[in-house]
Amino acid sequence: MTDFPKQYALWDEFLSVWPASRLTTMSLDEYSQAGSKESFTYWIESGLDELGSIWGGLVIQVWSVLPKKYRCQSLRHQSLLFG
């Protein structure tokens, strides 16, 4: 059985750490940093896995929400991380 109160609490925690307004100002390290459990990609891929899974290719999947000034850097960052 689904534990909706727990899922809502997890979503609320995510929104407190990553409000929509933060997406427009995040640094590349905030977006994705190996080993960090506070990065945006960690939250989306793993931290919210009880709400659904989008493992694999997240850098490309979320690329469109990044501020334009980070887009090229994030693709370069992906190639460094994933080859």
PDB file of N, CA and C in Angstrom:
ATOM      1  N   MET A   1       0.837  -1.187   0.000  1.00  0.00           N
ATOM      2  CA  MET A   1       0.000   0.000   0.000  1.00  0.00           C
ATOM      3  C   MET A   1       0.883   1.253   0.000  1.00  0.00           C
ATOM      4  N   THR A   2       0.477   2.237  -0.739  1.00  0.00           N
ATOM      5  CA  THR A   2       1.228   3.479  -0.873  1.00  0.00           C
ATOM      6  C   THR A   2       1.088   4.335   0.376  1.00  0.00           C
ATOM      7  N   ASP A   3       2.219   4.862   0.827  1.00  0.00           N
ATOM      8  CA  ASP A   3       2.245   5.732   1.998  1.00  0.00           C
ATOM      9  C   ASP A   3       2.244   7.190   1.527  1.00  0.00           C
ATOM     10  N   PHE A   4       1.052   7.703   1.199  1.00  0.00           N
ATOM     11  CA  PHE A   4       0.941   9.054   0.649  1.00  0.00           C
ATOM     12  C   PHE A   4       1.487  10.136   1.570  1.00  0.00           C
ATOM     13  N   PRO A   5       1.236  10.097   2.875  1.00  0.00           N
ATOM     14  CA  PRO A   5       1.815  11.141   3.730  1.00  0.00           C
ATOM     15  C   PRO A   5       3.348  11.178   3.650  1.00  0.00           C
ATOM     16  N   LYS A   6       3.964  10.014   3.586  1.00  0.00           N
ATOM     17  CA  LYS A   6       5.424   9.956   3.477  1.00  0.00           C
ATOM     18  C   LYS A   6       5.887  10.519   2.129  1.00  0.00           C
ATOM     19  N   GLN A   7       5.162  10.204   1.065  1.00  0.00           N
ATOM     20  CA  GLN A   7       5.516  10.712  -0.256  1.00  0.00           C
ATOM     21  C   GLN A   7       5.343  12.233  -0.329  1.00  0.00           C
ATOM     22  N   TYR A   8       4.263  12.737   0.237  1.00  0.00           N
ATOM     23  CA  TYR A   8       4.063  14.196   0.264  1.00  0.00           C
ATOM     24  C   TYR A   8       5.160  14.880   1.079  1.00  0.00           C
ATOM     25  N   ALA A   9       5.568  14.269   2.173  1.00  0.00           N
ATOM     26  CA  ALA A   9       6.634  14.840   2.997  1.00  0.00           C
ATOM     27  C   ALA A   9       7.954  14.877   2.214  1.00  0.00           C
ATOM     28  N   LEU A  10       8.224  13.811   1.463  1.00  0.00           N
ATOM     29  CA  LEU A  10       9.434  13.758   0.647  1.00  0.00           C
ATOM     30  C   LEU A  10       9.396  14.851  -0.426  1.00  0.00           C
ATOM     31  N   TRP A  11       8.258  15.016  -1.079  1.00  0.00           N
ATOM     32  CA  TRP A  11       8.101  16.055  -2.099  1.00  0.00           C
ATOM     33  C   TRP A  11       8.278  17.445  -1.485  1.00  0.00           C
ATOM     34  N   ASP A  12       7.692  17.655  -0.318  1.00  0.00           N
ATOM     35  CA  ASP A  12       7.840  18.946   0.365  1.00  0.00           C
ATOM     36  C   ASP A  12       9.292  19.223   0.721  1.00  0.00           C
ATOM     37  N   GLU A  13      10.013  18.187   1.140  1.00  0.00           N
ATOM     38  CA  GLU A  13      11.442  18.345   1.451  1.00  0.00           C
ATOM     39  C   GLU A  13      12.213  18.745   0.192  1.00  0.00           C
ATOM     40  N   PHE A  14      11.934  18.065  -0.916  1.00  0.00           N
ATOM     41  CA  PHE A  14      12.584  18.413  -2.180  1.00  0.00           C
ATOM     42  C   PHE A  14      12.320  19.871  -2.541  1.00  0.00           C
ATOM     43  N   LEU A  15      11.065  20.292  -2.440  1.00  0.00           N
ATOM     44  CA  LEU A  15      10.723  21.675  -2.793  1.00  0.00           C
ATOM     45  C   LEU A  15      11.350  22.694  -1.854  1.00  0.00           C
ATOM     46  N   SER A  16      11.597  22.301  -0.617  1.00  0.00           N
ATOM     47  CA  SER A  16      12.256  23.230   0.300  1.00  0.00           C
ATOM     48  C   SER A  16      13.736  23.389  -0.061  1.00  0.00           C
ATOM     49  N   VAL A  17      14.354  22.317  -0.555  1.00  0.00           N
ATOM     50  CA  VAL A  17      15.757  22.370  -0.970  1.00  0.00           C
ATOM     51  C   VAL A  17      15.878  22.948  -2.378  1.00  0.00           C
ATOM     52  N   TRP A  18      14.960  22.575  -3.255  1.00  0.00           N
ATOM     53  CA  TRP A  18      15.012  22.981  -4.657  1.00  0.00           C
ATOM     54  C   TRP A  18      13.722  23.675  -5.096  1.00  0.00           C
ATOM     55  N   PRO A  19      13.453  24.881  -4.599  1.00  0.00           N
ATOM     56  CA  PRO A  19      12.288  25.624  -5.094  1.00  0.00           C
ATOM     57  C   PRO A  19      12.521  25.991  -6.564  1.00  0.00           C
ATOM     58  N   ALA A  20      11.450  26.185  -7.284  1.00  0.00           N
ATOM     59  CA  ALA A  20      11.550  26.504  -8.717  1.00  0.00           C
ATOM     60  C   ALA A  20      12.455  27.707  -8.962  1.00  0.00           C
ATOM     61  N   SER A  21      12.429  28.680  -8.078  1.00  0.00           N
ATOM     62  CA  SER A  21      13.258  29.882  -8.257  1.00  0.00           C
ATOM     63  C   SER A  21      14.748  29.565  -8.233  1.00  0.00           C
ATOM     64  N   ARG A  22      15.145  28.498  -7.568  1.00  0.00           N
ATOM     65  CA  ARG A  22      16.565  28.136  -7.488  1.00  0.00           C
ATOM     66  C   ARG A  22      17.074  27.558  -8.805  1.00  0.00           C
ATOM     67  N   LEU A  23      16.179  26.995  -9.608  1.00  0.00           N
ATOM     68  CA  LEU A  23      16.602  26.384 -10.864  1.00  0.00           C
ATOM     69  C   LEU A  23      17.244  27.392 -11.806  1.00  0.00           C
ATOM     70  N   THR A  24      16.821  28.619 -11.738  1.00  0.00           N
ATOM     71  CA  THR A  24      17.356  29.640 -12.648  1.00  0.00           C
ATOM     72  C   THR A  24      18.693  30.202 -12.201  1.00  0.00           C
ATOM     73  N   THR A  25      19.110  29.878 -10.984  1.00  0.00           N
ATOM     74  CA  THR A  25      20.364  30.445 -10.476  1.00  0.00           C
ATOM     75  C   THR A  25      21.374  29.385 -10.047  1.00  0.00           C
ATOM     76  N   MET A  26      21.044  28.114 -10.208  1.00  0.00           N
ATOM     77  CA  MET A  26      21.957  27.072  -9.715  1.00  0.00           C
ATOM     78  C   MET A  26      23.268  27.053 -10.479  1.00  0.00           C
ATOM     79  N   SER A  27      24.318  26.691  -9.760  1.00  0.00           N
ATOM     80  CA  SER A  27      25.629  26.523 -10.379  1.00  0.00           C
ATOM     81  C   SER A  27      25.716  25.119 -10.970  1.00  0.00           C
ATOM     82  N   LEU A  28      26.731  24.892 -11.759  1.00  0.00           N
ATOM     83  CA  LEU A  28      26.928  23.569 -12.343  1.00  0.00           C
ATOM     84  C   LEU A  28      27.152  22.525 -11.253  1.00  0.00           C
ATOM     85  N   ASP A  29      27.884  22.884 -10.211  1.00  0.00           N
ATOM     86  CA  ASP A  29      28.104  21.959  -9.098  1.00  0.00           C
ATOM     87  C   ASP A  29      26.815  21.657  -8.340  1.00  0.00           C
ATOM     88  N   GLU A  30      25.938  22.636  -8.225  1.00  0.00           N
ATOM     89  CA  GLU A  30      24.648  22.388  -7.581  1.00  0.00           C
ATOM     90  C   GLU A  30      23.800  21.459  -8.439  1.00  0.00           C
ATOM     91  N   TYR A  31      23.931  21.587  -9.744  1.00  0.00           N
ATOM     92  CA  TYR A  31      23.163  20.755 -10.666  1.00  0.00           C
ATOM     93  C   TYR A  31      23.604  19.301 -10.591  1.00  0.00           C
ATOM     94  N   SER A  32      24.907  19.064 -10.678  1.00  0.00           N
ATOM     95  CA  SER A  32      25.411  17.691 -10.673  1.00  0.00           C
ATOM     96  C   SER A  32      26.820  17.670 -10.134  1.00  0.00           C
ATOM     97  N   GLN A  33      27.002  16.976  -9.027  1.00  0.00           N
ATOM     98  CA  GLN A  33      28.328  16.851  -8.432  1.00  0.00           C
ATOM     99  C   GLN A  33      28.469  15.438  -7.900  1.00  0.00           C
ATOM    100  N   ALA A  34      29.446  14.709  -8.409  1.00  0.00           N
ATOM    101  CA  ALA A  34      29.661  13.321  -8.010  1.00  0.00           C
ATOM    102  C   ALA A  34      29.771  13.208  -6.498  1.00  0.00           C
ATOM    103  N   GLY A  35      29.023  12.287  -5.934  1.00  0.00           N
ATOM    104  CA  GLY A  35      29.082  12.015  -4.506  1.00  0.00           C
ATOM    105  C   GLY A  35      28.208  12.903  -3.636  1.00  0.00           C
ATOM    106  N   SER A  36      27.624  13.943  -4.206  1.00  0.00           N
ATOM    107  CA  SER A  36      26.801  14.855  -3.424  1.00  0.00           C
ATOM    108  C   SER A  36      25.366  14.362  -3.336  1.00  0.00           C
ATOM    109  N   LYS A  37      24.818  14.381  -2.142  1.00  0.00           N
ATOM    110  CA  LYS A  37      23.415  14.030  -1.953  1.00  0.00           C
ATOM    111  C   LYS A  37      22.535  15.279  -1.889  1.00  0.00           C
ATOM    112  N   GLU A  38      23.120  16.419  -2.211  1.00  0.00           N
ATOM    113  CA  GLU A  38      22.380  17.674  -2.230  1.00  0.00           C
ATOM    114  C   GLU A  38      22.195  18.207  -3.647  1.00  0.00           C
ATOM    115  N   SER A  39      22.866  17.613  -4.630  1.00  0.00           N
ATOM    116  CA  SER A  39      22.762  18.126  -6.000  1.00  0.00           C
ATOM    117  C   SER A  39      21.371  17.857  -6.572  1.00  0.00           C
ATOM    118  N   PHE A  40      21.022  18.677  -7.559  1.00  0.00           N
ATOM    119  CA  PHE A  40      19.717  18.538  -8.201  1.00  0.00           C
ATOM    120  C   PHE A  40      19.571  17.155  -8.836  1.00  0.00           C
ATOM    121  N   THR A  41      20.613  16.687  -9.530  1.00  0.00           N
ATOM    122  CA  THR A  41      20.504  15.379 -10.186  1.00  0.00           C
ATOM    123  C   THR A  41      20.367  14.245  -9.175  1.00  0.00           C
ATOM    124  N   TYR A  42      21.029  14.355  -8.032  1.00  0.00           N
ATOM    125  CA  TYR A  42      20.857  13.312  -7.013  1.00  0.00           C
ATOM    126  C   TYR A  42      19.398  13.265  -6.559  1.00  0.00           C
ATOM    127  N   TRP A  43      18.855  14.439  -6.264  1.00  0.00           N
ATOM    128  CA  TRP A  43      17.469  14.488  -5.791  1.00  0.00           C
ATOM    129  C   TRP A  43      16.515  13.876  -6.810  1.00  0.00           C
ATOM    130  N   ILE A  44      16.671  14.260  -8.077  1.00  0.00           N
ATOM    131  CA  ILE A  44      15.755  13.787  -9.107  1.00  0.00           C
ATOM    132  C   ILE A  44      15.943  12.295  -9.370  1.00  0.00           C
ATOM    133  N   GLU A  45      17.174  11.838  -9.466  1.00  0.00           N
ATOM    134  CA  GLU A  45      17.421  10.432  -9.791  1.00  0.00           C
ATOM    135  C   GLU A  45      17.219   9.497  -8.607  1.00  0.00           C
ATOM    136  N   SER A  46      17.647   9.901  -7.435  1.00  0.00           N
ATOM    137  CA  SER A  46      17.644   8.976  -6.307  1.00  0.00           C
ATOM    138  C   SER A  46      16.790   9.429  -5.136  1.00  0.00           C
ATOM    139  N   GLY A  47      16.877  10.693  -4.798  1.00  0.00           N
ATOM    140  CA  GLY A  47      16.171  11.199  -3.626  1.00  0.00           C
ATOM    141  C   GLY A  47      14.664  11.081  -3.722  1.00  0.00           C
ATOM    142  N   LEU A  48      14.146  11.169  -4.944  1.00  0.00           N
ATOM    143  CA  LEU A  48      12.698  11.086  -5.149  1.00  0.00           C
ATOM    144  C   LEU A  48      12.275   9.749  -5.751  1.00  0.00           C
ATOM    145  N   ASP A  49      13.129   8.731  -5.659  1.00  0.00           N
ATOM    146  CA  ASP A  49      12.820   7.466  -6.331  1.00  0.00           C
ATOM    147  C   ASP A  49      11.544   6.791  -5.824  1.00  0.00           C
ATOM    148  N   GLU A  50      11.096   7.133  -4.637  1.00  0.00           N
ATOM    149  CA  GLU A  50       9.829   6.578  -4.139  1.00  0.00           C
ATOM    150  C   GLU A  50       8.627   7.145  -4.898  1.00  0.00           C
ATOM    151  N   LEU A  51       8.848   8.258  -5.589  1.00  0.00           N
ATOM    152  CA  LEU A  51       7.765   8.884  -6.350  1.00  0.00           C
ATOM    153  C   LEU A  51       7.796   8.483  -7.822  1.00  0.00           C
ATOM    154  N   GLY A  52       8.848   7.816  -8.235  1.00  0.00           N
ATOM    155  CA  GLY A  52       9.026   7.395  -9.622  1.00  0.00           C
ATOM    156  C   GLY A  52      10.501   7.438  -9.956  1.00  0.00           C
ATOM    157  N   SER A  53      10.876   6.814 -11.039  1.00  0.00           N
ATOM    158  CA  SER A  53      12.288   6.715 -11.378  1.00  0.00           C
ATOM    159  C   SER A  53      12.561   7.251 -12.773  1.00  0.00           C
ATOM    160  N   ILE A  54      13.617   8.033 -12.879  1.00  0.00           N
ATOM    161  CA  ILE A  54      14.098   8.470 -14.181  1.00  0.00           C
ATOM    162  C   ILE A  54      15.604   8.247 -14.266  1.00  0.00           C
ATOM    163  N   TRP A  55      16.090   7.185 -13.669  1.00  0.00           N
ATOM    164  CA  TRP A  55      17.517   6.874 -13.691  1.00  0.00           C
ATOM    165  C   TRP A  55      18.022   6.811 -15.120  1.00  0.00           C
ATOM    166  N   GLY A  56      19.231   7.285 -15.298  1.00  0.00           N
ATOM    167  CA  GLY A  56      19.919   7.188 -16.581  1.00  0.00           C
ATOM    168  C   GLY A  56      19.602   8.347 -17.500  1.00  0.00           C
ATOM    169  N   GLY A  57      20.640   9.031 -17.914  1.00  0.00           N
ATOM    170  CA  GLY A  57      20.475  10.103 -18.878  1.00  0.00           C
ATOM    171  C   GLY A  57      19.851  11.367 -18.327  1.00  0.00           C
ATOM    172  N   LEU A  58      19.876  11.541 -17.031  1.00  0.00           N
ATOM    173  CA  LEU A  58      19.211  12.697 -16.439  1.00  0.00           C
ATOM    174  C   LEU A  58      19.768  14.012 -16.957  1.00  0.00           C
ATOM    175  N   VAL A  59      21.063  14.079 -17.178  1.00  0.00           N
ATOM    176  CA  VAL A  59      21.654  15.339 -17.605  1.00  0.00           C
ATOM    177  C   VAL A  59      20.981  15.822 -18.883  1.00  0.00           C
ATOM    178  N   ILE A  60      20.697  14.928 -19.796  1.00  0.00           N
ATOM    179  CA  ILE A  60      20.016  15.312 -21.035  1.00  0.00           C
ATOM    180  C   ILE A  60      18.536  15.554 -20.778  1.00  0.00           C
ATOM    181  N   GLN A  61      17.903  14.730 -19.959  1.00  0.00           N
ATOM    182  CA  GLN A  61      16.466  14.859 -19.705  1.00  0.00           C
ATOM    183  C   GLN A  61      16.115  16.200 -19.083  1.00  0.00           C
ATOM    184  N   VAL A  62      16.974  16.706 -18.234  1.00  0.00           N
ATOM    185  CA  VAL A  62      16.667  17.934 -17.502  1.00  0.00           C
ATOM    186  C   VAL A  62      17.370  19.141 -18.122  1.00  0.00           C
ATOM    187  N   TRP A  63      18.169  18.914 -19.137  1.00  0.00           N
ATOM    188  CA  TRP A  63      18.971  19.961 -19.754  1.00  0.00           C
ATOM    189  C   TRP A  63      18.131  21.179 -20.113  1.00  0.00           C
ATOM    190  N   SER A  64      16.925  20.955 -20.588  1.00  0.00           N
ATOM    191  CA  SER A  64      16.111  22.065 -21.069  1.00  0.00           C
ATOM    192  C   SER A  64      15.663  23.019 -19.965  1.00  0.00           C
ATOM    193  N   VAL A  65      15.697  22.605 -18.694  1.00  0.00           N
ATOM    194  CA  VAL A  65      15.286  23.507 -17.624  1.00  0.00           C
ATOM    195  C   VAL A  65      16.454  24.320 -17.070  1.00  0.00           C
ATOM    196  N   LEU A  66      17.654  23.998 -17.507  1.00  0.00           N
ATOM    197  CA  LEU A  66      18.811  24.750 -17.036  1.00  0.00           C
ATOM    198  C   LEU A  66      18.839  26.144 -17.651  1.00  0.00           C
ATOM    199  N   PRO A  67      19.361  27.106 -16.913  1.00  0.00           N
ATOM    200  CA  PRO A  67      19.569  28.421 -17.512  1.00  0.00           C
ATOM    201  C   PRO A  67      20.471  28.279 -18.733  1.00  0.00           C
ATOM    202  N   LYS A  68      20.234  29.043 -19.767  1.00  0.00           N
ATOM    203  CA  LYS A  68      20.979  28.917 -21.021  1.00  0.00           C
ATOM    204  C   LYS A  68      22.485  29.021 -20.817  1.00  0.00           C
ATOM    205  N   LYS A  69      22.907  29.845 -19.874  1.00  0.00           N
ATOM    206  CA  LYS A  69      24.354  30.023 -19.693  1.00  0.00           C
ATOM    207  C   LYS A  69      25.042  28.758 -19.194  1.00  0.00           C
ATOM    208  N   TYR A  70      24.288  27.760 -18.685  1.00  0.00           N
ATOM    209  CA  TYR A  70      24.880  26.515 -18.198  1.00  0.00           C
ATOM    210  C   TYR A  70      24.714  25.356 -19.166  1.00  0.00           C
ATOM    211  N   ARG A  71      23.940  25.511 -20.201  1.00  0.00           N
ATOM    212  CA  ARG A  71      23.612  24.368 -21.054  1.00  0.00           C
ATOM    213  C   ARG A  71      24.841  23.744 -21.696  1.00  0.00           C
ATOM    214  N   CYS A  72      25.703  24.520 -22.303  1.00  0.00           N
ATOM    215  CA  CYS A  72      26.883  23.946 -22.935  1.00  0.00           C
ATOM    216  C   CYS A  72      27.792  23.306 -21.895  1.00  0.00           C
ATOM    217  N   GLN A  73      27.940  23.953 -20.763  1.00  0.00           N
ATOM    218  CA  GLN A  73      28.772  23.394 -19.702  1.00  0.00           C
ATOM    219  C   GLN A  73      28.216  22.068 -19.220  1.00  0.00           C
ATOM    220  N   SER A  74      26.888  21.956 -19.104  1.00  0.00           N
ATOM    221  CA  SER A  74      26.324  20.728 -18.575  1.00  0.00           C
ATOM    222  C   SER A  74      26.529  19.578 -19.547  1.00  0.00           C
ATOM    223  N   LEU A  75      26.455  19.842 -20.852  1.00  0.00           N
ATOM    224  CA  LEU A  75      26.703  18.778 -21.821  1.00  0.00           C
ATOM    225  C   LEU A  75      28.159  18.354 -21.779  1.00  0.00           C
ATOM    226  N   ARG A  76      29.065  19.311 -21.648  1.00  0.00           N
ATOM    227  CA  ARG A  76      30.476  18.974 -21.513  1.00  0.00           C
ATOM    228  C   ARG A  76      30.685  18.183 -20.223  1.00  0.00           C
ATOM    229  N   HIS A  77      30.027  18.602 -19.161  1.00  0.00           N
ATOM    230  CA  HIS A  77      30.110  17.912 -17.869  1.00  0.00           C
ATOM    231  C   HIS A  77      29.620  16.477 -18.023  1.00  0.00           C
ATOM    232  N   GLN A  78      28.544  16.265 -18.758  1.00  0.00           N
ATOM    233  CA  GLN A  78      28.024  14.919 -18.958  1.00  0.00           C
ATOM    234  C   GLN A  78      29.062  14.062 -19.677  1.00  0.00           C
ATOM    235  N   SER A  79      29.711  14.597 -20.710  1.00  0.00           N
ATOM    236  CA  SER A  79      30.676  13.787 -21.435  1.00  0.00           C
ATOM    237  C   SER A  79      31.867  13.437 -20.563  1.00  0.00           C
ATOM    238  N   LEU A  80      32.222  14.316 -19.637  1.00  0.00           N
ATOM    239  CA  LEU A  80      33.314  14.005 -18.717  1.00  0.00           C
ATOM    240  C   LEU A  80      32.892  12.914 -17.727  1.00  0.00           C
ATOM    241  N   LEU A  81      31.630  12.950 -17.290  1.00  0.00           N
ATOM    242  CA  LEU A  81      31.155  11.971 -16.332  1.00  0.00           C
ATOM    243  C   LEU A  81      30.861  10.615 -16.956  1.00  0.00           C
ATOM    244  N   PHE A  82      30.239  10.633 -18.145  1.00  0.00           N
ATOM    245  CA  PHE A  82      29.716   9.396 -18.720  1.00  0.00           C
ATOM    246  C   PHE A  82      30.429   8.937 -19.989  1.00  0.00           C
ATOM    247  N   GLY A  83      31.460   9.673 -20.400  1.00  0.00           N
ATOM    248  CA  GLY A  83      32.242   9.246 -21.546  1.00  0.00           C
ATOM    249  C   GLY A  83      31.698   9.554 -22.845  1.00  0.00           C
TER     250      GLY A  83
END
